[in-house]
Structure formats: C-alpha cells, structure tokens
Amino acid sequence: MIGERIRYLRQRKGYSLSRLAKEAEVSKTYLSNIDRGLQNNPSLHFLEKVAAKLGTSVEYLISDDFEKDMLNNKASSKGTIK
C-alpha cells in the first residue's frame, strides 16, 4: 500500500526510481522493493526522506486523504468528475 502511494507520486512527478533514490539519498534497491510491494514496512526516516523529495509529508502518504485524492485524480483524468 505505501509502495503504491510512493510509486503513484513518483510517476506523477516524472521521477524514475534511480532519480528519486539519488535525490532522497536512499538505496535504490530498497526503494524498488518498497515500490513493488516486496517490503511493506519502511522506517519513518526513509519515509521522511522520500516524502520530502516528492513534495509531500509522511502524514499525507499514510492518510485516508491520499486515497481520496488518488481516486479523484483518476476519475477527473477520465472526465467523470464535473
């Protein structure tokens, strides 16, 4: 779940895994494992570094608001929200 959120925001910013890992100063392998859901419990320190580079907060990454925004963005890109 957290990996899906990070991947979604990373892709929206146009960042590759390599770029985000380098800019956030985290392991590319570890970021990839989180991104693909192979590891599901990243440390707070990791999340803080990644969230900062994605222009968001850890709180937003783990909140229900993220799910709502993601659904609204998907729906609006299909033209279903008026």
Protein backbone atom coordinates (compact mmCIF):
# COMPACT_ATOMS: atom_id res chain seq x y z
CA MET A 1 0.00 0.00 0.00
CA ILE A 2 2.69 2.53 0.91
CA GLY A 3 4.66 1.36 -2.13
CA GLU A 4 1.69 2.07 -4.39
CA ARG A 5 1.42 5.57 -2.96
CA ILE A 6 5.12 6.31 -3.40
CA ARG A 7 5.05 4.90 -6.95
CA TYR A 8 1.97 6.98 -7.82
CA LEU A 9 3.53 10.23 -6.60
CA ARG A 10 6.91 9.37 -8.12
CA GLN A 11 5.35 8.78 -11.52
CA ARG A 12 3.24 11.94 -11.30
CA LYS A 13 6.45 13.92 -10.75
CA GLY A 14 8.10 12.10 -13.64
CA TYR A 15 10.82 10.62 -11.43
CA SER A 16 12.49 7.31 -12.15
CA LEU A 17 13.36 5.02 -9.26
CA SER A 18 17.00 5.94 -9.76
CA ARG A 19 16.34 9.66 -9.63
CA LEU A 20 14.17 9.50 -6.52
CA ALA A 21 16.63 7.21 -4.74
CA LYS A 22 19.53 9.51 -5.57
CA GLU A 23 17.74 12.72 -4.60
CA ALA A 24 16.29 11.24 -1.40
CA GLU A 25 19.63 9.62 -0.58
CA VAL A 26 18.12 6.17 -0.10
CA SER A 27 19.04 2.80 -1.50
CA LYS A 28 17.66 2.25 -5.00
CA THR A 29 17.22 -1.46 -4.24
CA TYR A 30 15.29 -0.76 -1.06
CA LEU A 31 13.14 1.87 -2.78
CA SER A 32 12.42 -0.59 -5.58
CA ASN A 33 11.39 -3.26 -3.07
CA ILE A 34 9.02 -0.80 -1.38
CA ASP A 35 7.70 0.40 -4.75
CA ARG A 36 6.92 -3.18 -5.85
CA GLY A 37 5.42 -4.19 -2.50
CA LEU A 38 8.17 -6.69 -1.68
CA GLN A 39 8.79 -4.83 1.56
CA ASN A 40 5.93 -3.14 3.35
CA ASN A 41 7.23 -1.53 6.50
CA PRO A 42 9.70 1.26 5.68
CA SER A 43 11.22 3.24 8.50
CA LEU A 44 9.98 6.68 9.40
CA HIS A 45 13.38 8.09 8.43
CA PHE A 46 13.07 6.53 4.95
CA LEU A 47 9.53 7.87 4.53
CA GLU A 48 10.57 11.35 5.62
CA LYS A 49 13.35 11.48 3.04
CA VAL A 50 11.19 10.16 0.21
CA ALA A 51 8.15 12.30 1.11
CA ALA A 52 10.29 15.44 1.16
CA LYS A 53 11.56 14.78 -2.38
CA LEU A 54 8.04 14.03 -3.56
CA GLY A 55 6.81 17.33 -2.13
CA THR A 56 4.52 15.81 0.45
CA SER A 57 4.53 14.68 4.08
CA VAL A 58 4.65 11.30 5.74
CA GLU A 59 1.25 12.06 7.24
CA TYR A 60 -0.24 12.57 3.79
CA LEU A 61 1.34 9.36 2.48
CA ILE A 62 -0.34 7.31 5.17
CA SER A 63 -3.63 9.20 5.45
CA ASP A 64 -7.08 8.48 4.06
CA ASP A 65 -6.83 11.81 2.24
CA PHE A 66 -4.27 10.27 -0.09
CA GLU A 67 -6.71 7.56 -1.15
CA LYS A 68 -9.46 10.13 -1.79
CA ASP A 69 -7.15 12.38 -3.81
CA MET A 70 -5.85 9.44 -5.83
CA LEU A 71 -9.39 8.33 -6.70
CA ASN A 72 -10.42 11.88 -7.57
CA ASN A 73 -7.38 12.37 -9.80
CA LYS A 74 -8.04 9.11 -11.64
CA ALA A 75 -11.70 9.98 -12.11
CA SER A 76 -11.01 13.53 -13.25
CA SER A 77 -8.44 12.35 -15.78
CA LYS A 78 -11.21 10.24 -17.31
CA GLY A 79 -13.56 13.23 -17.35
CA THR A 80 -16.13 11.76 -14.97
CA ILE A 81 -15.98 14.48 -12.31
CA LYS A 82 -17.90 17.65 -13.02
